[in-house]
Amino acid sequence: MEKETIIELKNIRKEFPGVVALDNVNMKIRASEVHALVGENGAGKSTLMKILSGTYSNYGGSVICKGEEIHMKCEKDAFKYGISIVAQELNYVSELSIAENLFLGREPKKGKVFVNKAERLKETQRLLDEMGLDYNPREKMGNLNVAQRQMIEILKSLSRDSRVIIMDEPTSALTSKESEILFSKVNELKQKGIAFIFISHRLEEVFELCDSYTVLRDGKWIASGDIKDVDTDKLIAMMVGRDIKDIYPPIPQIGKDIRLEVKNLGRKDVFQKVSFQVHKGEIFGLAGMVGAGRSEIVETLFGLARANEGEIILDGKPIKIRSVKDAIQNGIAMVTEDRRTYGFVGVRSISDNIILPNGDLFAKGGIWDKKKVQQKVAKICKRLSVKAPDANTLVGNLSGGNQQKVVLAKWLVRNIKLLILDEPTRGIDVGAKQEIYSLITEFAEQGLAIILISSDMPEVLSMSHRVGVVGGGKMLGILDRNEISQNKIMKMIVEAKGDE
């Protein structure tokens, strides 16, 4: 028996000044299915979902809900038709609690005026328990990490009585356990007739969770079908328009000289006695679960927090890092996991984002050397293949891959010795990932020491010369290239937990 079609998109066309974003796109969403919407950044996925969720009301073609043509002018209209979205850009108020954020704009009332705070807390706790999340509903959103905030956004969508739930990169910052909880909940809701549209660059998740798929490329519909009828290679080929044999480039030979040596580094109650070395030209991976201490270790190396014990030695000389300024002056740069918050200023241009952290290199007597700025920005953008009309383009208008290139560019202006990459390909498409990987290997070839953190295990395994395994704030061990495997890493983590 064929499943009921809840939503059908017919010949959808959307234009912006000078650009056709969607060109006669078709898609069917059926009850009790998870439908994958895949394609590279710029393929039109987000634009299509903004039409379906009521953000864009001016478009061509038809949106049909249960046989009736509908037209949504705002998000509230979408809610009325049972459509909700978990956006890639997290939508929360830092100073409000989890409970306040969860019911913002739809608070339970006590009478006609007052908010029923007790009921709000009770309902929030019920939802958290249902999702298996051990969070305090009174905790401020600003105190949560990226993964926890993402889970609250997903919870907000699931708390609505929706028939179609759009999830745009929902697991991009989740731990394996949190992803499992989410997938379990999705499968449970699917059995109740709810449909999901799942957008993810993690194709292994698409094959694990989804029943059907639609591929977009350059704003055009390429294919739709059952997920069981395609494999990863075929799906990627449809997304990029060419065969991809191997996404990971060969990594260069490691240098002989030690660039960074960390000895018994520690931060009270965060991590203890961490020691490792990184050679010139080496890509040193840090593996571990979210919360293991990986990000905290590199944040200390970059001066975002202070160590209270241990030594940091760079090129054979002990250095003191008390601030980000100290780290930069010693040739240490970092690309943080949350690039939208800490990596760039979206409302400023490419040029501004590259130059602002490097004012000391381009100012004479407090005045910008404009010619020098333009030459340097043009050179670095060309080197990194930043795709934009010009250097005055706002970074917020770029694709995720090009935003990440701008974040890298601002550090490559300087003569850096150590580059720390925390989730460098999170939220970017397959083609852009390949470009980032090529850049990383190019930097290593030039003698740069690189520390790589990623929740994408194949990325760590394929791109690292050696891998340090972190768990419970400790360095559990270091694996050489010929020893690296997912099984060994997970075994070390599990055994360490068993010893706690």
Protein backbone atom coordinates (compact mmCIF):
# COMPACT_ATOMS: atom_id res chain seq x y z
CA MET A 1 0.00 0.00 0.00
CA GLU A 2 1.44 3.35 -1.06
CA LYS A 3 2.00 5.87 1.71
CA GLU A 4 -0.04 9.07 1.80
CA THR A 5 1.60 12.10 0.17
CA ILE A 6 1.46 14.93 2.71
CA ILE A 7 3.33 17.60 0.76
CA GLU A 8 4.07 17.88 -2.96
CA LEU A 9 6.22 20.60 -4.49
CA LYS A 10 5.62 21.16 -8.21
CA ASN A 11 7.81 23.18 -10.59
CA ILE A 12 9.10 25.44 -7.80
CA ARG A 13 11.03 28.43 -9.14
CA LYS A 14 12.68 31.15 -7.07
CA GLU A 15 14.69 34.07 -8.39
CA PHE A 16 16.83 36.67 -6.68
CA PRO A 17 18.24 39.69 -8.54
CA GLY A 18 20.41 38.23 -11.28
CA VAL A 19 20.23 34.67 -9.90
CA VAL A 20 17.87 31.73 -10.46
CA ALA A 21 18.07 29.93 -7.11
CA LEU A 22 15.52 27.22 -7.96
CA ASP A 23 14.57 26.12 -11.46
CA ASN A 24 11.42 23.95 -11.69
CA VAL A 25 12.11 21.74 -8.67
CA ASN A 26 9.78 18.86 -7.78
CA MET A 27 9.59 16.83 -4.58
CA LYS A 28 7.08 14.58 -2.78
CA ILE A 29 6.99 14.08 0.99
CA ARG A 30 5.10 11.01 2.20
CA ALA A 31 3.76 10.14 5.64
CA SER A 32 5.86 7.88 7.86
CA GLU A 33 9.04 8.58 5.88
CA VAL A 34 12.31 10.39 6.39
CA HIS A 35 13.13 12.10 3.10
CA ALA A 36 16.74 13.17 2.52
CA LEU A 37 17.29 16.44 0.65
CA VAL A 38 20.91 16.41 -0.49
CA GLY A 39 23.18 18.58 -2.59
CA GLU A 40 26.22 20.80 -2.25
CA ASN A 41 26.05 24.23 -0.63
CA GLY A 42 24.39 26.55 -3.13
CA ALA A 43 22.34 23.71 -4.64
CA GLY A 44 19.09 25.31 -3.41
CA LYS A 45 18.20 23.12 -0.42
CA SER A 46 17.82 25.94 2.10
CA THR A 47 15.91 28.13 -0.38
CA LEU A 48 13.46 25.31 -1.06
CA MET A 49 12.93 24.73 2.65
CA LYS A 50 12.42 28.45 3.28
CA ILE A 51 9.57 28.33 0.77
CA LEU A 52 8.07 25.29 2.46
CA SER A 53 8.42 26.81 5.95
CA GLY A 54 6.88 30.17 4.99
CA THR A 55 10.01 32.34 5.02
CA TYR A 56 9.81 33.07 1.27
CA SER A 57 6.30 33.80 -0.01
CA ASN A 58 7.21 35.07 -3.50
CA TYR A 59 7.92 32.07 -5.75
CA GLY A 60 6.69 30.23 -8.82
CA GLY A 61 5.10 26.78 -8.90
CA SER A 62 2.80 25.04 -6.46
CA VAL A 63 2.91 23.71 -2.90
CA ILE A 64 0.20 21.08 -2.41
CA CYS A 65 -0.82 19.83 1.04
CA LYS A 66 -3.04 16.73 1.07
CA GLY A 67 -4.32 17.51 -2.42
CA GLU A 68 -5.00 21.20 -1.74
CA GLU A 69 -2.79 23.98 -3.11
CA ILE A 70 -1.58 26.23 -0.30
CA HIS A 71 0.43 29.44 -0.11
CA MET A 72 2.25 30.36 3.06
CA LYS A 73 3.12 33.98 3.78
CA CYS A 74 4.91 33.43 7.08
CA GLU A 75 6.14 30.77 9.50
CA LYS A 76 2.82 30.81 11.40
CA ASP A 77 1.04 29.74 8.20
CA ALA A 78 3.44 26.80 7.96
CA PHE A 79 2.66 25.82 11.56
CA LYS A 80 -1.04 25.93 10.66
CA TYR A 81 -0.44 23.33 7.94
CA GLY A 82 1.66 21.21 10.30
CA ILE A 83 5.09 22.18 8.94
CA SER A 84 7.98 23.18 11.22
CA ILE A 85 11.71 23.61 10.74
CA VAL A 86 14.84 23.13 12.82
CA ALA A 87 17.08 25.67 11.11
CA GLN A 88 20.83 25.32 10.65
CA GLU A 89 21.27 28.73 12.28
CA LEU A 90 20.40 28.16 15.94
CA ASN A 91 17.59 30.40 17.13
CA TYR A 92 17.78 31.10 20.86
CA VAL A 93 18.09 33.86 23.48
CA SER A 94 21.28 33.37 25.53
CA GLU A 95 20.03 35.01 28.72
CA LEU A 96 16.80 33.02 28.88
CA SER A 97 16.49 29.51 30.32
CA ILE A 98 15.89 26.32 28.38
CA ALA A 99 12.24 26.37 29.44
CA GLU A 100 11.81 30.03 28.47
CA ASN A 101 13.41 29.44 25.07
CA LEU A 102 11.40 26.31 24.42
CA PHE A 103 8.06 28.10 24.87
CA LEU A 104 9.04 31.60 23.74
CA GLY A 105 5.99 33.21 22.15
CA ARG A 106 3.66 30.38 23.19
CA GLU A 107 3.94 30.42 26.98
CA PRO A 108 1.33 28.55 29.04
CA LYS A 109 -0.88 31.11 30.81
CA LYS A 110 -2.22 31.48 34.31
CA GLY A 111 -5.39 33.37 33.60
CA LYS A 112 -5.24 35.74 30.62
CA VAL A 113 -2.10 37.70 31.48
CA PHE A 114 0.43 35.86 33.60
CA VAL A 115 2.82 33.13 32.47
CA ASN A 116 2.31 29.81 34.23
CA LYS A 117 5.98 29.22 35.10
CA ALA A 118 5.33 26.00 37.00
CA GLU A 119 3.49 24.49 34.04
CA ARG A 120 6.24 25.63 31.67
CA LEU A 121 8.92 23.96 33.81
CA LYS A 122 6.85 20.80 34.18
CA GLU A 123 6.26 20.52 30.42
CA THR A 124 9.92 21.25 29.64
CA GLN A 125 11.05 18.54 32.06
CA ARG A 126 8.59 16.09 30.48
CA LEU A 127 9.97 16.82 27.00
CA LEU A 128 13.57 16.51 28.19
CA ASP A 129 12.82 13.18 29.88
CA GLU A 130 11.03 11.94 26.76
CA MET A 131 14.14 12.72 24.69
CA GLY A 132 16.46 11.21 27.31
CA LEU A 133 18.24 14.51 27.96
CA ASP A 134 19.71 15.20 31.39
CA TYR A 135 19.50 19.03 31.24
CA ASN A 136 18.29 21.45 33.90
CA PRO A 137 15.27 23.32 32.42
CA ARG A 138 16.30 26.42 34.44
CA GLU A 139 19.80 26.52 32.86
CA LYS A 140 20.48 29.56 30.67
CA MET A 141 20.93 28.74 26.98
CA GLY A 142 24.11 30.80 26.93
CA ASN A 143 25.72 28.33 29.35
CA LEU A 144 25.12 25.36 27.04
CA ASN A 145 27.58 24.14 24.43
CA VAL A 146 26.76 23.96 20.72
CA ALA A 147 25.59 20.34 20.90
CA GLN A 148 23.24 21.03 23.80
CA ARG A 149 21.76 24.11 22.12
CA GLN A 150 21.15 22.08 18.97
CA MET A 151 19.24 19.46 20.94
CA ILE A 152 16.98 22.14 22.44
CA GLU A 153 16.23 23.47 18.94
CA ILE A 154 15.26 19.97 17.86
CA LEU A 155 13.18 19.55 21.00
CA LYS A 156 11.35 22.81 20.24
CA SER A 157 10.32 21.51 16.83
CA LEU A 158 9.27 18.12 18.18
CA SER A 159 7.16 19.80 20.86
CA ARG A 160 4.84 21.21 18.16
CA ASP A 161 2.05 19.12 16.71
CA SER A 162 3.68 18.91 13.26
CA ARG A 163 3.03 16.46 10.39
CA VAL A 164 6.18 17.51 8.50
CA ILE A 165 9.39 18.41 10.36
CA ILE A 166 12.31 19.86 8.40
CA MET A 167 15.71 19.22 9.99
CA ASP A 168 18.61 21.22 8.50
CA GLU A 169 21.94 19.71 9.62
CA PRO A 170 20.45 18.64 12.99
CA THR A 171 23.37 16.46 14.09
CA SER A 172 26.21 18.77 13.05
CA ALA A 173 27.27 19.32 16.67
CA LEU A 174 25.78 16.28 18.42
CA THR A 175 27.60 13.44 20.12
CA SER A 176 27.02 9.89 18.91
CA LYS A 177 24.74 9.26 21.89
CA GLU A 178 22.69 12.40 21.24
CA SER A 179 22.41 11.50 17.54
CA GLU A 180 21.21 8.02 18.50
CA ILE A 181 18.57 9.55 20.79
CA LEU A 182 17.44 11.88 18.01
CA PHE A 183 17.28 9.09 15.41
CA SER A 184 15.36 6.88 17.82
CA LYS A 185 12.84 9.67 18.39
CA VAL A 186 12.54 10.33 14.66
CA ASN A 187 11.84 6.64 14.00
CA GLU A 188 9.29 6.59 16.81
CA LEU A 189 7.47 9.63 15.40
CA LYS A 190 7.71 8.21 11.89
CA GLN A 191 5.64 5.23 13.02
CA LYS A 192 2.91 7.70 14.04
CA GLY A 193 2.64 9.05 10.49
CA ILE A 194 4.94 12.06 10.80
CA ALA A 195 7.20 12.87 7.85
CA PHE A 196 10.69 14.32 8.13
CA ILE A 197 12.82 16.19 5.62
CA PHE A 198 16.43 15.54 6.57
CA ILE A 199 19.22 17.78 5.27
CA SER A 200 22.72 16.59 6.11
CA HIS A 201 26.21 16.52 4.63
CA ARG A 202 26.87 13.34 6.62
CA LEU A 203 25.85 10.79 4.03
CA GLU A 204 26.32 7.88 6.44
CA GLU A 205 23.40 9.39 8.43
CA VAL A 206 21.31 9.69 5.28
CA PHE A 207 21.69 5.96 4.64
CA GLU A 208 21.11 5.08 8.30
CA LEU A 209 17.98 7.17 8.82
CA CYS A 210 16.30 7.99 5.52
CA ASP A 211 13.78 6.10 3.39
CA SER A 212 13.83 8.27 0.26
CA TYR A 213 15.85 11.10 -1.26
CA THR A 214 15.90 14.09 -3.60
CA VAL A 215 19.11 15.47 -5.10
CA LEU A 216 19.48 19.13 -6.10
CA ARG A 217 22.39 20.60 -8.04
CA ASP A 218 22.78 24.26 -9.04
CA GLY A 219 19.12 24.93 -8.24
CA LYS A 220 17.83 22.09 -10.42
CA TRP A 221 16.14 18.79 -9.59
CA ILE A 222 18.50 15.92 -10.44
CA ALA A 223 16.86 12.78 -9.06
CA SER A 224 14.45 11.34 -6.48
CA GLY A 225 13.94 7.77 -5.33
CA ASP A 226 14.19 5.19 -2.58
CA ILE A 227 17.43 5.29 -0.59
CA LYS A 228 17.81 1.50 -0.91
CA ASP A 229 18.33 1.90 -4.66
CA VAL A 230 21.49 4.06 -4.42
CA ASP A 231 24.89 3.88 -2.74
CA THR A 232 27.21 6.60 -1.43
CA ASP A 233 29.26 6.90 -4.62
CA LYS A 234 26.18 7.24 -6.80
CA LEU A 235 24.62 9.84 -4.51
CA ILE A 236 27.82 11.92 -4.40
CA ALA A 237 28.17 11.69 -8.19
CA MET A 238 24.63 13.08 -8.59
CA MET A 239 25.35 15.87 -6.09
CA VAL A 240 28.57 17.12 -7.69
CA GLY A 241 28.05 16.06 -11.31
CA ARG A 242 31.17 13.92 -11.43
CA ASP A 243 32.56 10.71 -9.97
CA ILE A 244 34.50 11.01 -6.72
CA LYS A 245 36.86 8.09 -6.16
CA ASP A 246 38.47 9.33 -2.99
CA ILE A 247 37.50 12.44 -1.07
CA TYR A 248 40.69 12.46 1.03
CA PRO A 249 43.98 13.53 -0.59
CA PRO A 250 47.23 11.74 0.32
CA ILE A 251 48.89 13.40 3.31
CA PRO A 252 52.52 14.54 2.96
CA GLN A 253 55.51 13.10 4.79
CA ILE A 254 55.93 14.24 8.36
CA GLY A 255 58.85 16.56 9.18
CA LYS A 256 61.69 15.52 11.51
CA ASP A 257 61.76 18.62 13.71
CA ILE A 258 59.40 18.96 16.66
CA ARG A 259 57.37 22.16 16.41
CA LEU A 260 55.14 21.86 19.49
CA GLU A 261 55.71 19.97 22.71
CA VAL A 262 53.08 19.89 25.44
CA LYS A 263 54.24 18.57 28.82
CA ASN A 264 51.84 17.66 31.65
CA LEU A 265 49.45 20.46 30.72
CA GLY A 266 46.44 20.82 32.99
CA ARG A 267 43.45 22.99 33.93
CA LYS A 268 41.83 22.38 37.27
CA ASP A 269 38.70 20.19 36.98
CA VAL A 270 38.92 20.26 33.15
CA PHE A 271 41.90 18.15 32.01
CA GLN A 272 45.05 16.81 33.68
CA LYS A 273 48.68 16.08 32.74
CA VAL A 274 48.23 16.09 28.97
CA SER A 275 51.44 15.49 27.00
CA PHE A 276 52.08 15.19 23.26
CA GLN A 277 54.30 16.44 20.44
CA VAL A 278 53.51 17.78 16.97
CA HIS A 279 56.21 17.86 14.28
CA LYS A 280 56.64 20.39 11.50
CA GLY A 281 54.42 19.30 8.62
CA GLU A 282 52.40 16.94 10.83
CA ILE A 283 48.62 16.72 11.05
CA PHE A 284 48.00 15.55 14.62
CA GLY A 285 44.43 14.37 15.18
CA LEU A 286 42.61 14.53 18.51
CA ALA A 287 39.86 11.92 18.81
CA GLY A 288 37.28 11.46 21.56
CA MET A 289 33.65 11.99 22.42
CA VAL A 290 32.16 15.46 22.79
CA GLY A 291 33.00 16.56 26.35
CA ALA A 292 36.19 14.46 26.49
CA GLY A 293 38.37 17.57 26.78
CA ARG A 294 39.71 17.94 23.23
CA SER A 295 38.38 21.46 22.63
CA GLU A 296 39.41 22.54 26.13
CA ILE A 297 43.01 21.44 25.50
CA VAL A 298 43.36 23.42 22.27
CA GLU A 299 41.51 26.41 23.74
CA THR A 300 44.26 26.51 26.38
CA LEU A 301 46.96 26.38 23.70
CA PHE A 302 45.26 29.34 22.00
CA GLY A 303 44.94 31.39 25.18
CA LEU A 304 41.16 31.23 25.51
CA ALA A 305 41.73 29.75 28.98
CA ARG A 306 44.78 29.50 31.24
CA ALA A 307 46.56 26.32 32.25
CA ASN A 308 47.46 25.98 35.93
CA GLU A 309 50.16 23.37 35.36
CA GLY A 310 52.51 22.07 32.70
CA GLU A 311 54.66 23.45 29.89
CA ILE A 312 54.13 24.56 26.29
CA ILE A 313 57.29 24.44 24.17
CA LEU A 314 57.38 25.88 20.65
CA ASP A 315 60.40 25.28 18.41
CA GLY A 316 62.40 24.18 21.45
CA LYS A 317 61.61 27.26 23.55
CA PRO A 318 59.20 27.32 26.52
CA ILE A 319 56.43 29.90 26.02
CA LYS A 320 53.77 31.38 28.31
CA ILE A 321 50.26 31.69 26.90
CA ARG A 322 47.98 33.78 29.11
CA SER A 323 45.79 35.23 26.35
CA VAL A 324 44.87 34.93 22.68
CA LYS A 325 47.26 37.81 22.00
CA ASP A 326 50.12 35.75 23.49
CA ALA A 327 49.20 32.79 21.27
CA ILE A 328 49.04 34.88 18.09
CA GLN A 329 52.34 36.60 18.86
CA ASN A 330 53.94 33.15 19.20
CA GLY A 331 52.56 32.05 15.82
CA ILE A 332 49.59 29.97 17.02
CA ALA A 333 46.25 30.29 15.19
CA MET A 334 42.91 28.57 15.73
CA VAL A 335 39.75 27.94 13.72
CA THR A 336 37.03 27.34 16.34
CA GLU A 337 34.18 24.83 16.06
CA ASP A 338 31.49 27.54 16.00
CA ARG A 339 32.70 29.68 13.11
CA ARG A 340 29.50 31.74 12.96
CA THR A 341 29.98 33.02 16.52
CA TYR A 342 33.76 33.18 16.83
CA GLY A 343 35.20 32.79 13.34
CA PHE A 344 33.87 35.70 11.33
CA VAL A 345 31.65 38.78 11.38
CA GLY A 346 28.82 38.03 8.95
CA VAL A 347 27.82 41.65 8.39
CA ARG A 348 31.36 42.67 7.42
CA SER A 349 33.14 42.09 4.11
CA ILE A 350 35.66 39.39 3.22
CA SER A 351 38.37 42.05 3.26
CA ASP A 352 37.38 43.35 6.71
CA ASN A 353 37.27 39.85 8.20
CA ILE A 354 40.74 39.04 6.92
CA ILE A 355 42.34 42.33 7.92
CA LEU A 356 40.66 43.26 11.24
CA PRO A 357 42.61 40.71 13.36
CA ASN A 358 45.80 41.74 11.57
CA GLY A 359 45.68 45.50 11.86
CA ASP A 360 49.23 45.65 13.17
CA LEU A 361 50.47 44.34 9.81
CA PHE A 362 48.65 46.86 7.63
CA ALA A 363 48.56 50.16 9.50
CA LYS A 364 51.07 52.99 9.46
CA GLY A 365 50.60 55.50 12.24
CA GLY A 366 47.05 54.26 12.76
CA ILE A 367 46.14 54.64 9.06
CA TRP A 368 45.36 51.68 6.79
CA ASP A 369 47.66 51.09 3.84
CA LYS A 370 44.75 50.44 1.44
CA LYS A 371 46.91 49.32 -1.47
CA LYS A 372 48.72 46.79 0.70
CA VAL A 373 45.40 45.56 2.09
CA GLN A 374 43.85 45.08 -1.36
CA GLN A 375 46.91 43.25 -2.69
CA LYS A 376 47.15 40.92 0.31
CA VAL A 377 43.42 40.12 0.37
CA ALA A 378 43.35 39.45 -3.38
CA LYS A 379 46.38 37.17 -3.09
CA ILE A 380 45.08 35.15 -0.16
CA CYS A 381 41.57 34.79 -1.67
CA LYS A 382 43.09 33.52 -4.91
CA ARG A 383 45.31 31.08 -3.03
CA LEU A 384 42.36 29.63 -1.13
CA SER A 385 39.95 29.82 -4.11
CA VAL A 386 37.37 31.88 -2.18
CA LYS A 387 34.31 31.99 -4.45
CA ALA A 388 32.73 35.46 -4.23
CA PRO A 389 32.01 38.38 -6.61
CA ASP A 390 34.72 40.44 -4.89
CA ALA A 391 36.41 41.09 -1.54
CA ASN A 392 33.63 43.52 -0.53
CA THR A 393 31.08 40.69 -0.40
CA LEU A 394 29.59 40.18 3.08
CA VAL A 395 30.87 36.95 4.63
CA GLY A 396 27.36 36.15 5.87
CA ASN A 397 26.26 35.79 2.24
CA LEU A 398 28.88 33.15 1.40
CA SER A 399 28.43 29.37 1.46
CA GLY A 400 29.71 27.46 4.49
CA GLY A 401 32.81 26.27 2.66
CA ASN A 402 33.76 29.78 1.55
CA GLN A 403 33.09 31.17 5.03
CA GLN A 404 35.56 28.61 6.39
CA LYS A 405 38.13 29.66 3.80
CA VAL A 406 37.81 33.28 4.98
CA VAL A 407 38.38 32.13 8.58
CA LEU A 408 41.53 30.32 7.43
CA ALA A 409 42.61 33.31 5.33
CA LYS A 410 42.71 35.71 8.28
CA TRP A 411 45.35 33.52 9.94
CA LEU A 412 47.39 32.75 6.84
CA VAL A 413 48.06 36.47 6.44
CA ARG A 414 50.41 36.03 9.40
CA ASN A 415 53.53 33.88 9.62
CA ILE A 416 52.00 31.15 11.77
CA LYS A 417 53.72 28.02 13.06
CA LEU A 418 50.82 26.03 14.53
CA LEU A 419 47.28 25.87 13.14
CA ILE A 420 44.52 24.42 15.34
CA LEU A 421 41.42 23.23 13.46
CA ASP A 422 38.37 22.43 15.61
CA GLU A 423 35.65 20.82 13.43
CA PRO A 424 36.95 22.49 10.22
CA THR A 425 34.39 20.88 7.88
CA ARG A 426 31.29 20.93 10.10
CA GLY A 427 28.24 21.96 8.08
CA ILE A 428 29.92 22.18 4.67
CA ASP A 429 29.25 20.07 1.59
CA VAL A 430 31.27 17.26 0.03
CA GLY A 431 32.90 19.38 -2.67
CA ALA A 432 33.88 22.10 -0.19
CA LYS A 433 35.25 19.46 2.18
CA GLN A 434 37.58 18.24 -0.55
CA GLU A 435 38.87 21.78 -1.00
CA ILE A 436 39.46 22.19 2.75
CA TYR A 437 41.28 18.84 2.90
CA SER A 438 43.51 19.87 0.00
CA LEU A 439 44.33 23.14 1.78
CA ILE A 440 45.18 21.29 5.01
CA THR A 441 47.60 18.98 3.20
CA GLU A 442 49.08 21.97 1.36
CA PHE A 443 49.70 23.75 4.68
CA ALA A 444 51.35 20.60 6.08
CA GLU A 445 53.59 20.33 3.00
CA GLN A 446 54.79 23.86 3.73
CA GLY A 447 55.90 22.81 7.22
CA LEU A 448 52.94 24.06 9.25
CA ALA A 449 52.13 21.95 12.33
CA ILE A 450 48.40 21.21 12.49
CA ILE A 451 46.14 19.93 15.27
CA LEU A 452 42.87 18.53 13.90
CA ILE A 453 39.73 17.90 15.96
CA SER A 454 36.69 16.39 14.26
CA SER A 455 33.60 14.44 15.28
CA ASP A 456 33.71 12.94 11.75
CA MET A 457 35.75 9.82 12.51
CA PRO A 458 36.71 9.01 8.86
CA GLU A 459 38.05 12.57 8.62
CA VAL A 460 40.35 12.11 11.62
CA LEU A 461 41.45 8.65 10.48
CA SER A 462 42.20 9.69 6.90
CA MET A 463 43.75 13.13 7.48
CA SER A 464 46.03 12.47 10.48
CA HIS A 465 49.64 11.30 10.68
CA ARG A 466 49.03 10.36 14.32
CA VAL A 467 45.97 10.47 16.58
CA GLY A 468 45.85 11.35 20.27
CA VAL A 469 42.83 9.78 21.98
CA VAL A 470 41.27 11.94 24.71
CA GLY A 471 38.78 10.80 27.34
CA GLY A 472 37.77 12.14 30.73
CA GLY A 473 40.19 15.05 30.45
CA LYS A 474 43.19 12.76 29.92
CA MET A 475 45.37 11.73 26.99
CA LEU A 476 44.55 8.01 26.84
CA GLY A 477 47.19 7.22 24.25
CA ILE A 478 48.67 8.18 20.89
CA LEU A 479 48.32 6.00 17.77
CA ASP A 480 50.78 6.05 14.87
CA ARG A 481 49.52 6.15 11.29
CA ASN A 482 49.73 2.36 10.85
CA GLU A 483 47.83 1.79 14.14
CA ILE A 484 44.93 4.18 13.57
CA SER A 485 41.49 2.56 13.37
CA GLN A 486 38.03 3.40 14.65
CA ASN A 487 37.92 0.15 16.64
CA LYS A 488 41.18 0.93 18.47
CA ILE A 489 40.05 4.46 19.29
CA MET A 490 36.67 3.32 20.62
CA LYS A 491 38.30 0.49 22.59
CA MET A 492 40.62 2.98 24.33
CA ILE A 493 37.68 5.24 25.19
CA VAL A 494 35.49 2.38 26.49
CA GLU A 495 38.33 0.84 28.55
CA ALA A 496 39.11 4.22 30.11
CA LYS A 497 35.45 4.67 31.09
CA GLY A 498 35.46 1.22 32.65
CA ASP A 499 38.44 2.18 34.82
CA GLU A 500 36.73 5.33 36.19
